[in-house]
Amino acid sequence: MSKKTILVTGGAGFIGSNYLNYKSKSKDVKLINLDKLTYAANLDNIRIDENCNYTFIKGDICDKILVHKIFSEYKIDEVVHFAAESHVDNSINNPGAFIDTNIVGTFNLLQAAYHNWMDAPNIFKTGKENSKFLHISTDEVYGTLGETDLFTEETSYAPNSPYSASKASSDMLVRSYFHTYGLPVVNTNCSNNYGPRQHDEKLIPTIIRKAVAEENIPIYGDGKNIRDWLYVLDHCKGIDLVLRKGKLGETYNIGGKNERENIYIAKTICEILDKKVPRRSGGSYKQLISFVKDRPGHDFRYAIDASKIEKELGWKAEENFESGIEKTIQWYLEKYKKTIKLIPPLGDRGL
């Protein structure tokens, strides 16, 4: 059986790199990684299995000519589309970049897939009948929840930031290519990911980095905003399951069933750090927590009902937050001890 060639966009980013590392252990694939290498990307995140057929291409999904060339030259069979601008604060300050990458970039990929896989609506080119386009999205497209209820695949879209609006738009584009052209697409919407290789700007790396550098740990508002946290490797396994077994035209929500307030996240990380790398002062890292002005349009609560992917495809999160955060903190301590001189001497603490 010939190997499938999979185009992974944004493979040097957080989730994309974790997915590439996981998928590279498969023996039946060739992996093409297209990444613009923005500030949020890092090629050092990628640890491809030595037996994997892997190619990296530096480029932008907004470059229509390049995208079409890659599909044609590498004879792409499947797409796993991670590439996106994803930081909400940045979308408030510079929404244009989110429109370009998340909407126009996704459109370019859909167009290239359609022209390379199909001769006309619902008519596939020979050999491309089993192609698939998997679009990775977010639970933020659904808006915000009160203290109860969960986001399901049937929840109406109600994005509240330029970031979530751009992702909602790309979701709708993907849907339209299935219903209009018969393009073999599937969509996933995930809850907040955490784990190794996440960019420093995100909440959990920020808490760890600020703490070990003895800086104030900024928490928006009163810290009561709630997120459902999903360990990144669990997400990658869910993505791969949807790629292999997901029903075309469907959406699958992937969530960790780990709802936690932001202030709980901060305090839990501080408690673990208190044990792993005690402060020279003898106090707790919790003393560094500071509350800052809330983000405009800050959604109160996200929580996903993942029963569809659990029942139909047999996926289940393996990590709860408490087990996943231990692994995550350990990884970031290894990273930051090389760059932050203020971290306490590690001695024989196993780091």
Protein backbone atom coordinates (compact mmCIF):
# COMPACT_ATOMS: atom_id res chain seq x y z
CA MET A 1 0.00 0.00 0.00
CA SER A 2 1.41 3.40 -1.01
CA LYS A 3 1.96 6.00 1.66
CA LYS A 4 -0.49 8.88 2.03
CA THR A 5 1.02 12.34 1.72
CA ILE A 6 -0.33 14.65 4.41
CA LEU A 7 0.05 18.41 4.32
CA VAL A 8 0.23 19.78 7.86
CA THR A 9 -0.09 23.56 8.03
CA GLY A 10 1.36 25.37 11.02
CA GLY A 11 3.39 22.35 12.04
CA ALA A 12 5.98 24.42 13.89
CA GLY A 13 3.37 25.82 16.24
CA PHE A 14 2.16 24.43 19.54
CA ILE A 15 -0.47 21.87 18.60
CA GLY A 16 0.92 21.33 15.10
CA SER A 17 4.37 20.33 16.32
CA ASN A 18 2.95 17.97 18.91
CA TYR A 19 0.80 16.43 16.19
CA LEU A 20 3.74 16.03 13.78
CA ASN A 21 5.82 14.37 16.48
CA TYR A 22 2.96 11.99 17.23
CA LYS A 23 2.03 11.28 13.60
CA SER A 24 5.64 10.75 12.49
CA LYS A 25 5.61 7.42 14.31
CA SER A 26 3.13 6.12 11.70
CA LYS A 27 4.71 4.03 8.95
CA ASP A 28 2.16 4.71 6.21
CA VAL A 29 2.50 8.49 5.75
CA LYS A 30 4.66 11.18 4.21
CA LEU A 31 4.48 14.48 6.08
CA ILE A 32 4.78 17.91 4.47
CA ASN A 33 4.97 20.74 7.00
CA LEU A 34 4.09 24.21 5.68
CA ASP A 35 4.77 26.95 8.21
CA LYS A 36 5.38 30.69 7.88
CA LEU A 37 7.57 30.65 11.01
CA THR A 38 5.91 33.58 12.74
CA TYR A 39 6.87 34.57 16.28
CA ALA A 40 4.72 31.71 17.63
CA ALA A 41 6.51 28.99 15.65
CA ASN A 42 9.65 27.12 16.63
CA LEU A 43 11.33 24.43 14.53
CA ASP A 44 13.03 23.15 17.69
CA ASN A 45 9.58 21.92 18.79
CA ILE A 46 9.64 19.29 16.06
CA ARG A 47 11.06 15.87 16.89
CA ILE A 48 10.26 13.75 13.85
CA ASP A 49 10.78 10.00 14.04
CA GLU A 50 13.97 9.16 12.14
CA ASN A 51 12.13 6.67 9.90
CA CYS A 52 9.50 9.18 8.77
CA ASN A 53 9.48 10.73 5.30
CA TYR A 54 9.26 14.40 6.29
CA THR A 55 9.63 17.70 4.40
CA PHE A 56 9.56 21.21 5.81
CA ILE A 57 8.54 24.14 3.63
CA LYS A 58 8.77 27.70 4.89
CA GLY A 59 5.82 29.56 3.45
CA ASP A 60 2.53 31.33 4.02
CA ILE A 61 -0.91 29.81 3.43
CA CYS A 62 -1.89 33.27 2.15
CA ASP A 63 0.49 32.67 -0.77
CA LYS A 64 -1.99 31.16 -3.22
CA ILE A 65 0.62 30.25 -5.83
CA LEU A 66 2.80 28.42 -3.30
CA VAL A 67 -0.16 26.52 -1.84
CA HIS A 68 -1.28 25.28 -5.27
CA LYS A 69 2.32 24.36 -6.14
CA ILE A 70 2.66 22.24 -3.00
CA PHE A 71 -0.57 20.36 -3.71
CA SER A 72 0.55 19.65 -7.28
CA GLU A 73 4.22 18.89 -6.66
CA TYR A 74 3.79 16.69 -3.59
CA LYS A 75 0.49 15.12 -4.69
CA ILE A 76 -1.20 15.89 -1.37
CA ASP A 77 -3.76 13.29 -0.25
CA GLU A 78 -4.85 14.79 3.07
CA VAL A 79 -4.66 18.14 4.86
CA VAL A 80 -4.48 18.75 8.60
CA HIS A 81 -4.91 22.50 8.87
CA PHE A 82 -3.56 24.03 12.10
CA ALA A 83 -2.07 27.27 10.74
CA ALA A 84 -3.82 30.22 12.38
CA GLU A 85 -3.35 33.41 14.30
CA SER A 86 -4.74 32.43 17.69
CA HIS A 87 -3.98 34.93 20.45
CA VAL A 88 -7.11 36.84 21.44
CA ASP A 89 -5.26 39.90 22.76
CA ASN A 90 -3.37 40.21 19.46
CA SER A 91 -6.65 39.96 17.55
CA ILE A 92 -7.98 42.93 19.50
CA ASN A 93 -4.91 45.02 18.66
CA ASN A 94 -4.35 43.79 15.09
CA PRO A 95 -7.44 42.04 13.68
CA GLY A 96 -6.29 42.30 10.07
CA ALA A 97 -3.68 39.57 10.47
CA PHE A 98 -6.41 37.23 11.72
CA ILE A 99 -8.64 37.94 8.74
CA ASP A 100 -5.76 37.29 6.35
CA THR A 101 -4.45 34.05 7.83
CA ASN A 102 -7.54 32.46 9.31
CA ILE A 103 -10.00 33.30 6.53
CA VAL A 104 -8.04 34.00 3.33
CA GLY A 105 -5.42 31.35 4.12
CA THR A 106 -8.08 28.72 4.74
CA PHE A 107 -9.81 29.71 1.51
CA ASN A 108 -6.56 29.22 -0.43
CA LEU A 109 -6.14 25.73 1.00
CA LEU A 110 -9.73 24.77 0.22
CA GLN A 111 -9.37 26.03 -3.34
CA ALA A 112 -6.14 24.12 -3.84
CA ALA A 113 -7.66 20.93 -2.43
CA TYR A 114 -10.70 21.26 -4.66
CA HIS A 115 -8.74 21.86 -7.87
CA ASN A 116 -6.24 19.08 -7.15
CA TRP A 117 -8.68 16.46 -5.89
CA MET A 118 -11.78 17.07 -8.00
CA ASP A 119 -12.70 17.58 -11.64
CA ALA A 120 -16.05 19.14 -10.81
CA PRO A 121 -18.47 19.27 -7.87
CA ASN A 122 -18.81 15.75 -6.42
CA ILE A 123 -16.54 14.25 -9.12
CA PHE A 124 -13.12 13.14 -7.87
CA LYS A 125 -9.95 12.83 -9.88
CA THR A 126 -8.74 9.26 -10.22
CA GLY A 127 -6.81 8.24 -7.12
CA LYS A 128 -8.14 11.10 -4.97
CA GLU A 129 -11.41 9.48 -3.91
CA ASN A 130 -10.16 8.98 -0.34
CA SER A 131 -8.73 12.44 0.21
CA LYS A 132 -9.65 14.40 3.32
CA PHE A 133 -9.36 17.98 4.57
CA LEU A 134 -9.33 18.31 8.37
CA HIS A 135 -9.78 21.83 9.75
CA ILE A 136 -8.73 22.47 13.35
CA SER A 137 -10.87 25.09 15.08
CA THR A 138 -11.78 26.29 18.57
CA ASP A 139 -14.64 26.27 21.06
CA GLU A 140 -14.45 30.08 21.11
CA VAL A 141 -16.61 30.21 17.97
CA TYR A 142 -19.57 29.29 20.18
CA GLY A 143 -19.25 32.40 22.32
CA THR A 144 -19.62 32.21 26.06
CA LEU A 145 -21.55 30.06 28.54
CA GLY A 146 -23.15 30.81 31.87
CA GLU A 147 -22.53 28.61 34.88
CA THR A 148 -24.23 25.60 33.30
CA ASP A 149 -24.59 23.91 29.91
CA LEU A 150 -21.95 22.70 27.47
CA PHE A 151 -21.02 23.46 23.88
CA THR A 152 -22.19 20.74 21.52
CA GLU A 153 -21.77 20.40 17.77
CA GLU A 154 -25.27 21.87 17.44
CA THR A 155 -24.58 25.02 19.48
CA SER A 156 -25.14 28.19 17.48
CA TYR A 157 -22.07 30.24 16.66
CA ALA A 158 -21.69 33.51 18.59
CA PRO A 159 -18.03 34.62 18.42
CA ASN A 160 -17.09 37.56 20.63
CA SER A 161 -13.56 38.50 19.51
CA PRO A 162 -11.93 39.15 16.13
CA TYR A 163 -10.01 35.88 16.66
CA SER A 164 -13.08 33.74 17.26
CA ALA A 165 -14.99 35.53 14.49
CA SER A 166 -12.19 34.73 12.02
CA LYS A 167 -12.21 31.07 13.08
CA ALA A 168 -16.01 30.94 12.82
CA SER A 169 -15.66 32.30 9.29
CA SER A 170 -13.13 29.64 8.35
CA ASP A 171 -15.39 26.94 9.81
CA MET A 172 -18.21 28.17 7.59
CA LEU A 173 -15.97 28.18 4.53
CA VAL A 174 -15.00 24.57 5.20
CA ARG A 175 -18.66 23.62 5.63
CA SER A 176 -19.61 25.38 2.39
CA TYR A 177 -17.02 23.47 0.35
CA PHE A 178 -18.55 20.21 1.51
CA HIS A 179 -22.13 21.17 0.71
CA THR A 180 -21.37 23.03 -2.52
CA TYR A 181 -18.57 21.00 -4.08
CA GLY A 182 -18.57 17.73 -2.15
CA LEU A 183 -15.04 18.41 -0.91
CA PRO A 184 -14.23 15.74 1.69
CA VAL A 185 -13.91 17.89 4.79
CA VAL A 186 -14.25 17.40 8.52
CA ASN A 187 -14.00 19.99 11.30
CA THR A 188 -12.88 19.80 14.93
CA ASN A 189 -13.49 22.37 17.65
CA CYS A 190 -11.34 21.98 20.73
CA SER A 191 -11.20 23.43 24.22
CA ASN A 192 -8.13 25.19 25.65
CA ASN A 193 -4.99 23.15 25.00
CA TYR A 194 -2.01 23.02 27.34
CA GLY A 195 1.20 21.04 27.49
CA PRO A 196 4.76 21.11 26.15
CA ARG A 197 5.81 23.46 23.33
CA GLN A 198 3.17 26.14 23.84
CA HIS A 199 4.25 29.73 23.16
CA ASP A 200 5.31 31.79 26.16
CA GLU A 201 2.45 34.28 25.68
CA LYS A 202 -0.26 31.79 26.64
CA LEU A 203 -1.70 31.56 30.14
CA ILE A 204 0.01 28.48 31.59
CA PRO A 205 3.52 29.16 30.22
CA THR A 206 3.14 32.78 31.39
CA ILE A 207 2.30 31.70 34.93
CA ILE A 208 5.29 29.34 35.08
CA ARG A 209 7.72 31.78 33.43
CA LYS A 210 6.71 34.74 35.57
CA ALA A 211 6.84 32.70 38.75
CA VAL A 212 10.34 31.30 38.31
CA ALA A 213 11.58 34.75 37.23
CA GLU A 214 10.13 36.21 40.46
CA GLU A 215 7.83 38.54 38.52
CA ASN A 216 4.17 39.38 39.09
CA ILE A 217 1.83 36.76 37.62
CA PRO A 218 -0.93 38.67 35.77
CA ILE A 219 -4.47 37.31 35.97
CA TYR A 220 -7.31 39.05 34.14
CA GLY A 221 -10.19 40.50 36.16
CA ASP A 222 -11.04 38.48 39.24
CA GLY A 223 -9.65 35.20 37.86
CA LYS A 224 -13.09 33.57 37.88
CA ASN A 225 -13.26 32.94 34.13
CA ILE A 226 -13.60 29.22 33.45
CA ARG A 227 -12.01 27.14 30.71
CA ASP A 228 -12.14 23.46 29.82
CA TRP A 229 -8.52 22.28 29.59
CA LEU A 230 -7.32 19.62 27.16
CA TYR A 231 -3.84 18.09 27.29
CA VAL A 232 -2.25 18.57 23.88
CA LEU A 233 -1.31 14.91 23.30
CA ASP A 234 -4.91 13.88 23.99
CA HIS A 235 -5.98 16.44 21.40
CA CYS A 236 -3.48 15.11 18.86
CA LYS A 237 -4.80 11.58 19.31
CA GLY A 238 -8.35 12.87 18.80
CA ILE A 239 -7.34 14.74 15.65
CA ASP A 240 -5.71 11.65 14.21
CA LEU A 241 -8.78 9.57 15.00
CA VAL A 242 -11.02 12.09 13.22
CA LEU A 243 -8.65 12.10 10.24
CA ARG A 244 -8.84 8.32 9.95
CA LYS A 245 -12.44 7.62 10.94
CA GLY A 246 -14.37 10.89 11.04
CA LYS A 247 -17.51 11.15 8.91
CA LEU A 248 -17.21 13.62 6.04
CA GLY A 249 -19.01 16.92 6.50
CA GLU A 250 -19.23 16.44 10.26
CA THR A 251 -17.91 18.47 13.20
CA TYR A 252 -16.38 16.84 16.26
CA ASN A 253 -15.91 18.71 19.53
CA ILE A 254 -12.82 17.65 21.48
CA GLY A 255 -12.74 18.61 25.15
CA GLY A 256 -10.96 17.45 28.28
CA LYS A 257 -13.80 17.64 30.84
CA ASN A 258 -11.42 19.68 32.98
CA GLU A 259 -13.22 22.92 33.82
CA ARG A 260 -11.06 25.14 35.98
CA GLU A 261 -11.12 28.81 36.97
CA ASN A 262 -8.08 30.81 35.87
CA ILE A 263 -7.24 31.60 39.48
CA TYR A 264 -7.30 27.88 40.30
CA ILE A 265 -4.86 27.29 37.43
CA ALA A 266 -2.49 29.92 38.80
CA LYS A 267 -2.66 28.71 42.40
CA THR A 268 -2.21 25.06 41.42
CA ILE A 269 0.87 25.84 39.36
CA CYS A 270 2.29 27.92 42.21
CA GLU A 271 1.74 25.09 44.69
CA ILE A 272 3.57 22.63 42.45
CA LEU A 273 6.43 25.09 41.90
CA ASP A 274 6.64 25.64 45.66
CA LYS A 275 7.61 21.97 45.94
CA LYS A 276 9.78 21.66 42.84
CA VAL A 277 11.75 24.93 42.99
CA PRO A 278 11.13 26.68 46.33
CA ARG A 279 11.58 30.43 46.39
CA ARG A 280 14.74 31.79 48.02
CA SER A 281 12.51 33.97 50.19
CA GLY A 282 10.76 30.94 51.60
CA GLY A 283 7.35 32.27 50.63
CA SER A 284 4.88 30.86 48.11
CA TYR A 285 4.77 31.77 44.45
CA LYS A 286 1.11 32.57 45.09
CA GLN A 287 2.31 35.87 46.56
CA LEU A 288 3.26 36.91 43.01
CA ILE A 289 -0.30 36.60 41.67
CA SER A 290 -1.68 40.01 40.67
CA PHE A 291 -5.02 40.92 39.11
CA VAL A 292 -4.95 43.16 36.05
CA LYS A 293 -7.59 44.99 34.02
CA ASP A 294 -9.85 42.52 32.26
CA ARG A 295 -9.60 41.87 28.54
CA PRO A 296 -12.33 43.54 26.40
CA GLY A 297 -15.13 41.07 25.62
CA HIS A 298 -13.62 38.41 27.88
CA ASP A 299 -15.85 35.32 27.65
CA PHE A 300 -16.86 33.97 31.05
CA ARG A 301 -16.89 30.23 30.50
CA TYR A 302 -16.13 27.63 27.82
CA ALA A 303 -16.94 23.95 28.26
CA ILE A 304 -17.24 21.24 25.64
CA ASP A 305 -19.49 18.20 25.42
CA ALA A 306 -17.20 15.63 23.77
CA SER A 307 -19.72 12.79 23.83
CA LYS A 308 -19.98 12.63 20.02
CA ILE A 309 -16.32 11.81 19.41
CA GLU A 310 -16.33 9.53 22.44
CA LYS A 311 -19.36 7.51 21.31
CA GLU A 312 -18.82 7.50 17.54
CA LEU A 313 -15.03 7.22 17.34
CA GLY A 314 -14.04 5.83 20.74
CA TRP A 315 -11.84 8.75 21.80
CA LYS A 316 -11.31 9.62 25.44
CA ALA A 317 -8.95 12.05 27.16
CA GLU A 318 -6.28 10.16 29.07
CA GLU A 319 -5.03 13.06 31.19
CA ASN A 320 -6.97 15.00 33.79
CA PHE A 321 -5.76 18.50 34.55
CA GLU A 322 -3.87 17.54 37.68
CA SER A 323 -1.85 14.82 35.94
CA GLY A 324 -1.28 16.84 32.78
CA ILE A 325 -0.15 19.98 34.56
CA GLU A 326 2.60 18.09 36.40
CA LYS A 327 4.07 16.97 33.07
CA THR A 328 3.63 20.43 31.61
CA ILE A 329 5.40 22.22 34.47
CA GLN A 330 8.30 19.78 34.33
CA TRP A 331 8.77 20.47 30.60
CA TYR A 332 8.75 24.25 31.07
CA LEU A 333 11.16 24.12 33.99
CA GLU A 334 13.59 22.29 31.71
CA LYS A 335 13.10 25.03 29.13
CA TYR A 336 13.28 28.04 31.41
CA LYS A 337 16.24 26.94 33.48
CA LYS A 338 18.33 27.55 30.32
CA THR A 339 17.06 31.08 29.77
CA ILE A 340 15.96 32.57 33.10
CA LYS A 341 18.91 33.27 35.37
CA LEU A 342 16.69 34.12 38.30
CA ILE A 343 15.41 30.58 38.67
CA PRO A 344 16.53 29.17 42.05
CA PRO A 345 19.46 26.71 42.05
CA LEU A 346 18.07 23.33 41.02
CA GLY A 347 20.46 21.21 43.05
CA ASP A 348 19.36 17.60 43.12
CA ARG A 349 15.66 18.26 42.41
CA GLY A 350 15.63 16.01 39.37
CA LEU A 351 15.59 18.82 36.78
